[in-house]
Amino acid sequence: MKVEIKKIGISTVLFSVFPLAVFVVMLVAAFMEVFNPDAVINMAYIMGLVMRAIQSTLLFLVSSVFFLLVYNLLCAIGIRGVRVELEDK
């Protein structure tokens, strides 16, 4: 069975587990900088890493919302959406 995704709800993306998953990935990426040989680890440095993860998460989520708005707009004017093939078990 082929299904076409015509509209993606922005609120369903923002109020799901997606932002938390993005934050965890950004936090892990920020903490990878601890292995930098020039890093001086103190509380301010750790808080800077957390703030960088929050900033990256917000930037990624804003970009995702912009992408969803464009996708929904293009689907609304008649361009085909993403087609997914599902099979029954």
Protein backbone atom coordinates (compact mmCIF):
# COMPACT_ATOMS: atom_id res chain seq x y z
CA MET A 1 0.00 0.00 0.00
CA LYS A 2 1.43 3.36 -1.01
CA VAL A 3 0.70 6.37 1.19
CA GLU A 4 1.51 9.99 0.38
CA ILE A 5 2.24 12.45 3.19
CA LYS A 6 0.34 15.62 2.28
CA LYS A 7 0.67 17.65 5.48
CA ILE A 8 2.89 17.40 8.54
CA GLY A 9 1.55 19.04 11.68
CA ILE A 10 4.09 21.43 13.15
CA SER A 11 2.68 21.13 16.66
CA THR A 12 2.91 17.33 16.51
CA VAL A 13 6.60 17.62 15.71
CA LEU A 14 7.32 20.26 18.35
CA PHE A 15 5.36 18.51 21.13
CA SER A 16 6.73 15.03 20.53
CA VAL A 17 9.96 13.37 21.56
CA PHE A 18 11.75 14.99 18.61
CA PRO A 19 13.04 18.13 20.48
CA LEU A 20 14.30 15.99 23.36
CA ALA A 21 16.12 13.66 20.96
CA VAL A 22 17.69 16.64 19.19
CA PHE A 23 18.78 18.12 22.53
CA VAL A 24 20.40 14.86 23.62
CA VAL A 25 22.33 14.61 20.35
CA MET A 26 23.46 18.25 20.62
CA LEU A 27 24.45 17.74 24.26
CA VAL A 28 26.57 14.71 23.38
CA ALA A 29 28.15 16.67 20.53
CA ALA A 30 28.93 19.57 22.89
CA PHE A 31 30.44 17.28 25.53
CA MET A 32 32.73 15.73 22.92
CA GLU A 33 34.66 18.99 23.20
CA VAL A 34 35.77 17.93 26.69
CA PHE A 35 38.38 15.74 24.98
CA ASN A 36 40.01 18.84 23.50
CA PRO A 37 43.57 18.95 24.92
CA ASP A 38 43.38 22.73 25.40
CA ALA A 39 40.17 22.60 27.44
CA VAL A 40 40.23 23.79 31.03
CA ILE A 41 37.33 22.05 32.74
CA ASN A 42 35.48 24.15 35.29
CA MET A 43 31.87 24.96 36.04
CA ALA A 44 31.73 27.89 33.61
CA TYR A 45 33.06 25.68 30.83
CA ILE A 46 30.44 22.99 31.53
CA MET A 47 27.65 25.58 31.60
CA GLY A 48 28.95 26.98 28.31
CA LEU A 49 28.69 23.50 26.78
CA VAL A 50 25.11 23.14 28.01
CA MET A 51 24.20 26.59 26.67
CA ARG A 52 25.79 25.71 23.32
CA ALA A 53 23.67 22.54 23.21
CA ILE A 54 20.51 24.54 23.97
CA GLN A 55 21.40 27.10 21.31
CA SER A 56 22.08 24.39 18.71
CA THR A 57 18.81 22.65 19.59
CA LEU A 58 16.80 25.84 19.15
CA LEU A 59 18.51 26.59 15.84
CA PHE A 60 17.81 23.06 14.59
CA LEU A 61 14.15 23.23 15.69
CA VAL A 62 13.62 26.61 14.01
CA SER A 63 15.15 25.18 10.83
CA SER A 64 12.86 22.15 11.09
CA VAL A 65 9.77 24.35 11.49
CA PHE A 66 10.82 26.40 8.44
CA PHE A 67 11.29 23.17 6.44
CA LEU A 68 7.85 21.91 7.53
CA LEU A 69 6.19 25.20 6.55
CA VAL A 70 7.78 25.06 3.09
CA TYR A 71 6.87 21.37 2.69
CA ASN A 72 3.23 22.00 3.66
CA LEU A 73 3.05 25.02 1.35
CA LEU A 74 4.45 23.10 -1.63
CA CYS A 75 2.06 20.20 -1.00
CA ALA A 76 -0.85 22.65 -0.74
CA ILE A 77 -0.15 24.11 -4.19
CA GLY A 78 -0.16 20.67 -5.78
CA ILE A 79 3.38 19.33 -5.77
CA ARG A 80 3.53 15.66 -4.80
CA GLY A 81 4.57 14.88 -1.26
CA VAL A 82 6.71 12.08 0.09
CA ARG A 83 5.39 8.65 -0.83
CA VAL A 84 5.86 5.78 1.59
CA GLU A 85 5.21 2.16 0.76
CA LEU A 86 3.66 0.20 3.62
CA GLU A 87 3.03 -3.51 3.69
CA ASP A 88 0.62 -5.45 5.84
CA LYS A 89 1.82 -8.28 8.02
